[in-house]
Amino acid sequence: MKKQIILFLFFSFSVIGYSQILKKKIPDNLVVLTFDDATASQYSVVAPLLKQYGFGATFFVCEFPTHFKDSSKYMNWRQIKELDRMGFEVANHTHTHANVSKLSKEQFIAQLKYIEDKCDSLHVEKPSNFAYPGYGLSPSVIETLLETDYKFARAGGSRAYDPLNDSPLLLPSWATNSENKDQIMQAFKEAQNRKIVILTIHGVPDVEHEWVNTPPELFKEYLQYLTNNHFTVISLRELENYIDVKVAKKWIAPDFSKKLSN
């Protein structure tokens, strides 16, 4: 009898906890656009197109070594501030695009704080979301993100995000490139039944890393498809309209057994 009561209470608390994760129903056709590495084309090509289509997005910024000051390849902080002024989310991708799984806790915090301090100095909203450079993951990194109160952290995995089963600190996503149009178009179809499609996009184009290059014509094709098919396209920050992050972090343990890199 005692065992049955314990099981009942556990089941009841689980149901209550899961029901509280969602602030409101996740609509079908919900897509999150995220952009990595602060490539120059994100300012010159991506941002104007997103404004034209009325889409939200998150830009995960870093000072990509060793060419950060080369404005033909990477944004400067004046341009990053302009993204914030335009209403886009500026989020944390570490100072130097570091593999955080190989850093000490102190080194990781320093990497995070550099971007936070740069944003503060420019009156850009403090970053509350994070993307793992190179999908470098470890339990200690998760612990640090919890301690520093980050909300969402994006990884890879080429699958949809299920807010009742995936930890907010291990968000799966698809990475775009010039060769995987069919995969991305198929991915959009998975934004159904409570699942959310998150894209990882680098340069449009990416002049330094051709393996993550997304041609502008292909990017425009994606935006037009999302418009024609009545998708809602938002930033990670806007996911908080649907998901109670504190409850989700409490009830969903990070699961490293799931695919989290592309």
C-alpha atoms as a PDB file:
ATOM      1  CA  MET A   1       0.000   0.000   0.000  1.00  0.00           C
ATOM      2  CA  LYS A   2       2.797   2.402   0.934  1.00  0.00           C
ATOM      3  CA  LYS A   3       4.554   1.643  -2.357  1.00  0.00           C
ATOM      4  CA  GLN A   4       1.341   2.354  -4.293  1.00  0.00           C
ATOM      5  CA  ILE A   5       0.951   5.717  -2.548  1.00  0.00           C
ATOM      6  CA  ILE A   6       4.544   6.680  -3.390  1.00  0.00           C
ATOM      7  CA  LEU A   7       4.053   5.708  -7.025  1.00  0.00           C
ATOM      8  CA  PHE A   8       0.778   7.649  -7.165  1.00  0.00           C
ATOM      9  CA  LEU A   9       2.399  10.755  -5.693  1.00  0.00           C
ATOM     10  CA  PHE A  10       5.338  10.484  -8.082  1.00  0.00           C
ATOM     11  CA  PHE A  11       2.966  10.123 -11.033  1.00  0.00           C
ATOM     12  CA  SER A  12       0.845  13.051  -9.849  1.00  0.00           C
ATOM     13  CA  PHE A  13       3.856  15.332  -9.357  1.00  0.00           C
ATOM     14  CA  SER A  14       5.163  14.317 -12.780  1.00  0.00           C
ATOM     15  CA  VAL A  15       1.872  15.155 -14.483  1.00  0.00           C
ATOM     16  CA  ILE A  16       1.642  18.481 -12.640  1.00  0.00           C
ATOM     17  CA  GLY A  17       5.256  19.340 -13.446  1.00  0.00           C
ATOM     18  CA  TYR A  18       4.915  18.526 -17.128  1.00  0.00           C
ATOM     19  CA  SER A  19       1.646  20.419 -17.453  1.00  0.00           C
ATOM     20  CA  GLN A  20       3.315  23.503 -15.994  1.00  0.00           C
ATOM     21  CA  ILE A  21       6.198  23.430 -18.485  1.00  0.00           C
ATOM     22  CA  LEU A  22       3.949  24.818 -21.207  1.00  0.00           C
ATOM     23  CA  LYS A  23       2.580  28.295 -20.598  1.00  0.00           C
ATOM     24  CA  LYS A  24       0.286  27.845 -23.593  1.00  0.00           C
ATOM     25  CA  LYS A  25      -0.216  25.432 -26.458  1.00  0.00           C
ATOM     26  CA  ILE A  26       2.666  25.077 -28.892  1.00  0.00           C
ATOM     27  CA  PRO A  27       1.234  25.919 -32.321  1.00  0.00           C
ATOM     28  CA  ASP A  28       2.048  23.873 -35.381  1.00  0.00           C
ATOM     29  CA  ASN A  29       4.562  25.433 -37.774  1.00  0.00           C
ATOM     30  CA  LEU A  30       6.702  27.056 -35.079  1.00  0.00           C
ATOM     31  CA  VAL A  31      10.321  27.632 -36.174  1.00  0.00           C
ATOM     32  CA  VAL A  32      13.254  29.241 -34.373  1.00  0.00           C
ATOM     33  CA  LEU A  33      16.059  30.752 -36.461  1.00  0.00           C
ATOM     34  CA  THR A  34      19.510  30.980 -34.864  1.00  0.00           C
ATOM     35  CA  PHE A  35      22.729  32.313 -36.412  1.00  0.00           C
ATOM     36  CA  ASP A  36      26.243  31.476 -35.237  1.00  0.00           C
ATOM     37  CA  ASP A  37      29.683  33.109 -35.232  1.00  0.00           C
ATOM     38  CA  ALA A  38      28.766  36.747 -36.033  1.00  0.00           C
ATOM     39  CA  THR A  39      29.637  36.492 -39.712  1.00  0.00           C
ATOM     40  CA  ALA A  40      29.501  39.783 -41.614  1.00  0.00           C
ATOM     41  CA  SER A  41      26.740  38.554 -43.918  1.00  0.00           C
ATOM     42  CA  GLN A  42      24.400  38.197 -40.954  1.00  0.00           C
ATOM     43  CA  TYR A  43      24.377  41.984 -40.712  1.00  0.00           C
ATOM     44  CA  SER A  44      24.494  42.835 -44.421  1.00  0.00           C
ATOM     45  CA  VAL A  45      22.276  40.070 -45.832  1.00  0.00           C
ATOM     46  CA  VAL A  46      20.371  38.220 -43.103  1.00  0.00           C
ATOM     47  CA  ALA A  47      19.061  41.036 -40.899  1.00  0.00           C
ATOM     48  CA  PRO A  48      17.510  43.077 -43.759  1.00  0.00           C
ATOM     49  CA  LEU A  49      15.804  39.970 -45.138  1.00  0.00           C
ATOM     50  CA  LEU A  50      14.427  38.988 -41.726  1.00  0.00           C
ATOM     51  CA  LYS A  51      13.005  42.486 -41.268  1.00  0.00           C
ATOM     52  CA  GLN A  52      11.482  42.302 -44.746  1.00  0.00           C
ATOM     53  CA  TYR A  53       9.696  39.044 -43.868  1.00  0.00           C
ATOM     54  CA  GLY A  54       8.847  40.089 -40.310  1.00  0.00           C
ATOM     55  CA  PHE A  55      10.715  37.173 -38.723  1.00  0.00           C
ATOM     56  CA  GLY A  56      12.465  36.999 -35.372  1.00  0.00           C
ATOM     57  CA  ALA A  57      15.898  35.438 -34.830  1.00  0.00           C
ATOM     58  CA  THR A  58      18.707  34.863 -32.346  1.00  0.00           C
ATOM     59  CA  PHE A  59      22.303  35.789 -33.181  1.00  0.00           C
ATOM     60  CA  PHE A  60      24.907  33.857 -31.180  1.00  0.00           C
ATOM     61  CA  VAL A  61      27.934  36.140 -31.220  1.00  0.00           C
ATOM     62  CA  CYS A  62      31.609  35.621 -30.527  1.00  0.00           C
ATOM     63  CA  GLU A  63      34.868  37.211 -31.581  1.00  0.00           C
ATOM     64  CA  PHE A  64      35.836  34.461 -33.987  1.00  0.00           C
ATOM     65  CA  PRO A  65      39.634  34.037 -34.026  1.00  0.00           C
ATOM     66  CA  THR A  66      41.699  35.162 -35.717  1.00  0.00           C
ATOM     67  CA  HIS A  67      39.803  37.345 -38.156  1.00  0.00           C
ATOM     68  CA  PHE A  68      37.228  39.046 -35.925  1.00  0.00           C
ATOM     69  CA  LYS A  69      38.485  42.515 -36.847  1.00  0.00           C
ATOM     70  CA  ASP A  70      38.204  41.739 -40.565  1.00  0.00           C
ATOM     71  CA  SER A  71      34.869  43.397 -41.315  1.00  0.00           C
ATOM     72  CA  SER A  72      34.638  41.552 -44.622  1.00  0.00           C
ATOM     73  CA  LYS A  73      34.207  38.292 -42.667  1.00  0.00           C
ATOM     74  CA  TYR A  74      32.798  39.110 -39.219  1.00  0.00           C
ATOM     75  CA  MET A  75      30.578  41.720 -37.636  1.00  0.00           C
ATOM     76  CA  ASN A  76      32.028  44.371 -35.367  1.00  0.00           C
ATOM     77  CA  TRP A  77      30.343  45.333 -32.115  1.00  0.00           C
ATOM     78  CA  ARG A  78      28.722  48.410 -33.640  1.00  0.00           C
ATOM     79  CA  GLN A  79      26.918  46.108 -36.065  1.00  0.00           C
ATOM     80  CA  ILE A  80      26.014  43.662 -33.301  1.00  0.00           C
ATOM     81  CA  LYS A  81      24.507  46.531 -31.336  1.00  0.00           C
ATOM     82  CA  GLU A  82      22.490  47.462 -34.411  1.00  0.00           C
ATOM     83  CA  LEU A  83      21.006  43.946 -34.499  1.00  0.00           C
ATOM     84  CA  ASP A  84      19.810  44.515 -30.939  1.00  0.00           C
ATOM     85  CA  ARG A  85      18.358  47.902 -31.899  1.00  0.00           C
ATOM     86  CA  MET A  86      16.491  46.203 -34.758  1.00  0.00           C
ATOM     87  CA  GLY A  87      14.781  43.931 -32.242  1.00  0.00           C
ATOM     88  CA  PHE A  88      16.776  40.742 -32.742  1.00  0.00           C
ATOM     89  CA  GLU A  89      18.175  38.709 -29.867  1.00  0.00           C
ATOM     90  CA  VAL A  90      21.930  38.862 -29.232  1.00  0.00           C
ATOM     91  CA  ALA A  91      23.042  35.729 -27.378  1.00  0.00           C
ATOM     92  CA  ASN A  92      26.272  34.159 -26.105  1.00  0.00           C
ATOM     93  CA  HIS A  93      28.587  31.964 -28.190  1.00  0.00           C
ATOM     94  CA  THR A  94      31.659  32.531 -25.925  1.00  0.00           C
ATOM     95  CA  HIS A  95      34.433  35.075 -26.412  1.00  0.00           C
ATOM     96  CA  THR A  96      36.619  33.014 -28.760  1.00  0.00           C
ATOM     97  CA  HIS A  97      34.324  30.260 -30.073  1.00  0.00           C
ATOM     98  CA  ALA A  98      35.873  27.982 -27.452  1.00  0.00           C
ATOM     99  CA  ASN A  99      35.218  24.264 -27.044  1.00  0.00           C
ATOM    100  CA  VAL A 100      33.714  24.691 -23.606  1.00  0.00           C
ATOM    101  CA  SER A 101      33.858  20.979 -22.811  1.00  0.00           C
ATOM    102  CA  LYS A 102      37.644  21.356 -22.553  1.00  0.00           C
ATOM    103  CA  LEU A 103      37.645  24.444 -20.329  1.00  0.00           C
ATOM    104  CA  SER A 104      37.765  24.677 -16.567  1.00  0.00           C
ATOM    105  CA  LYS A 105      34.728  26.169 -14.878  1.00  0.00           C
ATOM    106  CA  GLU A 106      36.616  29.425 -14.329  1.00  0.00           C
ATOM    107  CA  GLN A 107      37.680  29.598 -17.967  1.00  0.00           C
ATOM    108  CA  PHE A 108      34.137  28.925 -19.181  1.00  0.00           C
ATOM    109  CA  ILE A 109      32.677  31.623 -16.940  1.00  0.00           C
ATOM    110  CA  ALA A 110      35.317  34.068 -18.214  1.00  0.00           C
ATOM    111  CA  GLN A 111      34.316  33.238 -21.799  1.00  0.00           C
ATOM    112  CA  LEU A 112      30.658  33.902 -21.002  1.00  0.00           C
ATOM    113  CA  LYS A 113      31.365  37.048 -19.023  1.00  0.00           C
ATOM    114  CA  TYR A 114      33.384  38.653 -21.812  1.00  0.00           C
ATOM    115  CA  ILE A 115      30.338  38.651 -24.109  1.00  0.00           C
ATOM    116  CA  GLU A 116      28.066  39.742 -21.258  1.00  0.00           C
ATOM    117  CA  ASP A 117      30.362  42.678 -20.438  1.00  0.00           C
ATOM    118  CA  LYS A 118      30.633  43.746 -24.071  1.00  0.00           C
ATOM    119  CA  CYS A 119      26.848  43.763 -24.327  1.00  0.00           C
ATOM    120  CA  ASP A 120      26.544  45.716 -21.092  1.00  0.00           C
ATOM    121  CA  SER A 121      29.024  48.350 -22.286  1.00  0.00           C
ATOM    122  CA  LEU A 122      26.930  48.878 -25.422  1.00  0.00           C
ATOM    123  CA  HIS A 123      23.565  48.809 -23.615  1.00  0.00           C
ATOM    124  CA  VAL A 124      22.613  45.564 -25.348  1.00  0.00           C
ATOM    125  CA  GLU A 125      20.318  43.309 -23.318  1.00  0.00           C
ATOM    126  CA  LYS A 126      22.328  40.826 -21.239  1.00  0.00           C
ATOM    127  CA  PRO A 127      22.489  37.453 -23.036  1.00  0.00           C
ATOM    128  CA  SER A 128      20.341  34.799 -21.417  1.00  0.00           C
ATOM    129  CA  ASN A 129      20.727  32.064 -24.043  1.00  0.00           C
ATOM    130  CA  PHE A 130      23.779  30.123 -25.213  1.00  0.00           C
ATOM    131  CA  ALA A 131      24.956  27.977 -28.138  1.00  0.00           C
ATOM    132  CA  TYR A 132      27.692  25.366 -27.789  1.00  0.00           C
ATOM    133  CA  PRO A 133      30.584  26.159 -30.168  1.00  0.00           C
ATOM    134  CA  GLY A 134      31.289  23.045 -32.181  1.00  0.00           C
ATOM    135  CA  TYR A 135      28.668  21.264 -30.038  1.00  0.00           C
ATOM    136  CA  GLY A 136      31.217  20.753 -27.251  1.00  0.00           C
ATOM    137  CA  LEU A 137      29.137  19.252 -24.418  1.00  0.00           C
ATOM    138  CA  SER A 138      29.710  17.935 -20.910  1.00  0.00           C
ATOM    139  CA  PRO A 139      27.758  17.654 -17.623  1.00  0.00           C
ATOM    140  CA  SER A 140      30.047  20.244 -16.016  1.00  0.00           C
ATOM    141  CA  VAL A 141      29.162  22.744 -18.737  1.00  0.00           C
ATOM    142  CA  ILE A 142      25.464  22.198 -18.000  1.00  0.00           C
ATOM    143  CA  GLU A 143      26.105  22.769 -14.293  1.00  0.00           C
ATOM    144  CA  THR A 144      27.818  26.079 -15.038  1.00  0.00           C
ATOM    145  CA  LEU A 145      24.977  27.223 -17.277  1.00  0.00           C
ATOM    146  CA  LEU A 146      22.530  26.388 -14.474  1.00  0.00           C
ATOM    147  CA  GLU A 147      24.603  28.330 -11.933  1.00  0.00           C
ATOM    148  CA  THR A 148      24.890  31.351 -14.218  1.00  0.00           C
ATOM    149  CA  ASP A 149      21.129  31.282 -14.896  1.00  0.00           C
ATOM    150  CA  TYR A 150      21.191  30.740 -18.648  1.00  0.00           C
ATOM    151  CA  LYS A 151      17.783  29.726 -19.951  1.00  0.00           C
ATOM    152  CA  PHE A 152      18.128  27.950 -23.279  1.00  0.00           C
ATOM    153  CA  ALA A 153      21.288  26.385 -24.722  1.00  0.00           C
ATOM    154  CA  ARG A 154      21.312  25.133 -28.297  1.00  0.00           C
ATOM    155  CA  ALA A 155      23.177  22.089 -29.578  1.00  0.00           C
ATOM    156  CA  GLY A 156      22.767  20.075 -32.818  1.00  0.00           C
ATOM    157  CA  GLY A 157      21.335  16.639 -33.516  1.00  0.00           C
ATOM    158  CA  SER A 158      19.170  17.210 -36.618  1.00  0.00           C
ATOM    159  CA  ARG A 159      15.869  16.586 -34.852  1.00  0.00           C
ATOM    160  CA  ALA A 160      12.949  18.619 -33.524  1.00  0.00           C
ATOM    161  CA  TYR A 161      12.765  20.069 -30.030  1.00  0.00           C
ATOM    162  CA  ASP A 162      10.146  18.466 -27.784  1.00  0.00           C
ATOM    163  CA  PRO A 163       9.684  20.819 -24.805  1.00  0.00           C
ATOM    164  CA  LEU A 164       8.267  18.047 -22.605  1.00  0.00           C
ATOM    165  CA  ASN A 165      11.213  15.724 -23.140  1.00  0.00           C
ATOM    166  CA  ASP A 166      14.263  17.792 -24.119  1.00  0.00           C
ATOM    167  CA  SER A 167      16.136  19.841 -21.536  1.00  0.00           C
ATOM    168  CA  PRO A 168      16.127  23.601 -22.269  1.00  0.00           C
ATOM    169  CA  LEU A 169      19.915  23.400 -21.924  1.00  0.00           C
ATOM    170  CA  LEU A 170      20.246  20.783 -24.683  1.00  0.00           C
ATOM    171  CA  LEU A 171      18.082  22.084 -27.511  1.00  0.00           C
ATOM    172  CA  PRO A 172      18.442  20.076 -30.734  1.00  0.00           C
ATOM    173  CA  SER A 173      18.691  21.811 -34.103  1.00  0.00           C
ATOM    174  CA  TRP A 174      19.396  21.313 -37.788  1.00  0.00           C
ATOM    175  CA  ALA A 175      22.444  23.041 -39.310  1.00  0.00           C
ATOM    176  CA  THR A 176      22.003  24.407 -42.823  1.00  0.00           C
ATOM    177  CA  ASN A 177      24.563  24.302 -45.613  1.00  0.00           C
ATOM    178  CA  SER A 178      24.628  24.550 -49.396  1.00  0.00           C
ATOM    179  CA  GLU A 179      24.027  20.828 -49.884  1.00  0.00           C
ATOM    180  CA  ASN A 180      21.206  19.847 -47.502  1.00  0.00           C
ATOM    181  CA  LYS A 181      18.153  21.666 -48.828  1.00  0.00           C
ATOM    182  CA  ASP A 182      16.103  18.462 -48.946  1.00  0.00           C
ATOM    183  CA  GLN A 183      16.897  17.706 -45.302  1.00  0.00           C
ATOM    184  CA  ILE A 184      15.899  21.199 -44.168  1.00  0.00           C
ATOM    185  CA  MET A 185      12.669  21.201 -46.173  1.00  0.00           C
ATOM    186  CA  GLN A 186      11.798  17.851 -44.611  1.00  0.00           C
ATOM    187  CA  ALA A 187      12.696  19.228 -41.172  1.00  0.00           C
ATOM    188  CA  PHE A 188      10.095  21.988 -41.492  1.00  0.00           C
ATOM    189  CA  LYS A 189       7.417  19.291 -41.689  1.00  0.00           C
ATOM    190  CA  GLU A 190       8.351  18.131 -38.176  1.00  0.00           C
ATOM    191  CA  ALA A 191       7.030  21.338 -36.618  1.00  0.00           C
ATOM    192  CA  GLN A 192       3.817  19.575 -35.617  1.00  0.00           C
ATOM    193  CA  ASN A 193       2.260  18.024 -32.509  1.00  0.00           C
ATOM    194  CA  ARG A 194       4.016  20.207 -29.949  1.00  0.00           C
ATOM    195  CA  LYS A 195       7.446  19.913 -31.575  1.00  0.00           C
ATOM    196  CA  ILE A 196       9.514  22.958 -32.548  1.00  0.00           C
ATOM    197  CA  VAL A 197      12.024  23.161 -35.394  1.00  0.00           C
ATOM    198  CA  ILE A 198      15.234  25.060 -34.630  1.00  0.00           C
ATOM    199  CA  LEU A 199      17.757  25.908 -37.350  1.00  0.00           C
ATOM    200  CA  THR A 200      21.458  26.641 -36.904  1.00  0.00           C
ATOM    201  CA  ILE A 201      22.670  28.939 -39.679  1.00  0.00           C
ATOM    202  CA  HIS A 202      26.150  30.385 -40.147  1.00  0.00           C
ATOM    203  CA  GLY A 203      27.137  32.776 -42.904  1.00  0.00           C
ATOM    204  CA  VAL A 204      24.751  33.689 -45.722  1.00  0.00           C
ATOM    205  CA  PRO A 205      27.175  33.289 -47.401  1.00  0.00           C
ATOM    206  CA  ASP A 206      29.988  32.048 -45.155  1.00  0.00           C
ATOM    207  CA  VAL A 207      33.226  33.087 -46.834  1.00  0.00           C
ATOM    208  CA  GLU A 208      35.553  31.344 -44.376  1.00  0.00           C
ATOM    209  CA  HIS A 209      33.812  28.038 -43.608  1.00  0.00           C
ATOM    210  CA  GLU A 210      32.358  26.617 -46.808  1.00  0.00           C
ATOM    211  CA  TRP A 211      31.037  23.479 -45.072  1.00  0.00           C
ATOM    212  CA  VAL A 212      28.454  25.637 -43.265  1.00  0.00           C
ATOM    213  CA  ASN A 213      27.863  28.071 -46.108  1.00  0.00           C
ATOM    214  CA  THR A 214      24.227  28.894 -46.876  1.00  0.00           C
ATOM    215  CA  PRO A 215      23.883  30.688 -50.246  1.00  0.00           C
ATOM    216  CA  PRO A 216      21.698  33.818 -50.059  1.00  0.00           C
ATOM    217  CA  GLU A 217      19.386  32.470 -52.782  1.00  0.00           C
ATOM    218  CA  LEU A 218      18.752  29.307 -50.763  1.00  0.00           C
ATOM    219  CA  PHE A 219      18.181  31.301 -47.583  1.00  0.00           C
ATOM    220  CA  LYS A 220      15.617  33.456 -49.372  1.00  0.00           C
ATOM    221  CA  GLU A 221      13.924  30.294 -50.614  1.00  0.00           C
ATOM    222  CA  TYR A 222      13.561  29.075 -47.020  1.00  0.00           C
ATOM    223  CA  LEU A 223      12.107  32.407 -45.901  1.00  0.00           C
ATOM    224  CA  GLN A 224       9.611  32.423 -48.756  1.00  0.00           C
ATOM    225  CA  TYR A 225       8.577  28.843 -47.992  1.00  0.00           C
ATOM    226  CA  LEU A 226       8.012  29.714 -44.331  1.00  0.00           C
ATOM    227  CA  THR A 227       5.929  32.714 -45.365  1.00  0.00           C
ATOM    228  CA  ASN A 228       3.879  30.863 -47.963  1.00  0.00           C
ATOM    229  CA  ASN A 229       3.077  28.068 -45.519  1.00  0.00           C
ATOM    230  CA  HIS A 230       2.141  30.356 -42.626  1.00  0.00           C
ATOM    231  CA  PHE A 231       4.960  29.477 -40.219  1.00  0.00           C
ATOM    232  CA  THR A 232       5.571  31.462 -37.054  1.00  0.00           C
ATOM    233  CA  VAL A 233       9.298  32.331 -37.015  1.00  0.00           C
ATOM    234  CA  ILE A 234      10.772  33.528 -33.728  1.00  0.00           C
ATOM    235  CA  SER A 235      13.921  33.899 -31.640  1.00  0.00           C
ATOM    236  CA  LEU A 236      14.886  31.638 -28.745  1.00  0.00           C
ATOM    237  CA  ARG A 237      14.031  34.483 -26.388  1.00  0.00           C
ATOM    238  CA  GLU A 238      10.458  34.392 -27.667  1.00  0.00           C
ATOM    239  CA  LEU A 239      10.158  30.696 -26.783  1.00  0.00           C
ATOM    240  CA  GLU A 240       9.593  31.877 -23.230  1.00  0.00           C
ATOM    241  CA  ASN A 241       6.119  32.934 -24.351  1.00  0.00           C
ATOM    242  CA  TYR A 242       5.353  29.208 -24.635  1.00  0.00           C
ATOM    243  CA  ILE A 243       7.708  27.481 -22.193  1.00  0.00           C
ATOM    244  CA  ASP A 244       8.327  28.021 -18.480  1.00  0.00           C
ATOM    245  CA  VAL A 245      12.085  27.517 -18.496  1.00  0.00           C
ATOM    246  CA  LYS A 246      12.458  27.260 -14.715  1.00  0.00           C
ATOM    247  CA  VAL A 247       9.901  24.464 -14.523  1.00  0.00           C
ATOM    248  CA  ALA A 248      11.397  22.691 -17.543  1.00  0.00           C
ATOM    249  CA  LYS A 249      14.904  22.771 -16.060  1.00  0.00           C
ATOM    250  CA  LYS A 250      13.510  21.377 -12.815  1.00  0.00           C
ATOM    251  CA  TRP A 251      11.569  18.490 -14.352  1.00  0.00           C
ATOM    252  CA  ILE A 252      13.670  17.490 -17.377  1.00  0.00           C
ATOM    253  CA  ALA A 253      17.172  16.187 -16.748  1.00  0.00           C
ATOM    254  CA  PRO A 254      19.762  16.700 -19.509  1.00  0.00           C
ATOM    255  CA  ASP A 255      19.991  13.488 -21.538  1.00  0.00           C
ATOM    256  CA  PHE A 256      23.343  13.056 -23.255  1.00  0.00           C
ATOM    257  CA  SER A 257      22.267   9.756 -24.796  1.00  0.00           C
ATOM    258  CA  LYS A 258      20.215  11.610 -27.420  1.00  0.00           C
ATOM    259  CA  LYS A 259      21.857  12.805 -30.596  1.00  0.00           C
ATOM    260  CA  LEU A 260      23.162  16.319 -29.954  1.00  0.00           C
ATOM    261  CA  SER A 261      25.599  17.011 -32.780  1.00  0.00           C
ATOM    262  CA  ASN A 262      25.125  17.101 -36.548  1.00  0.00           C
END
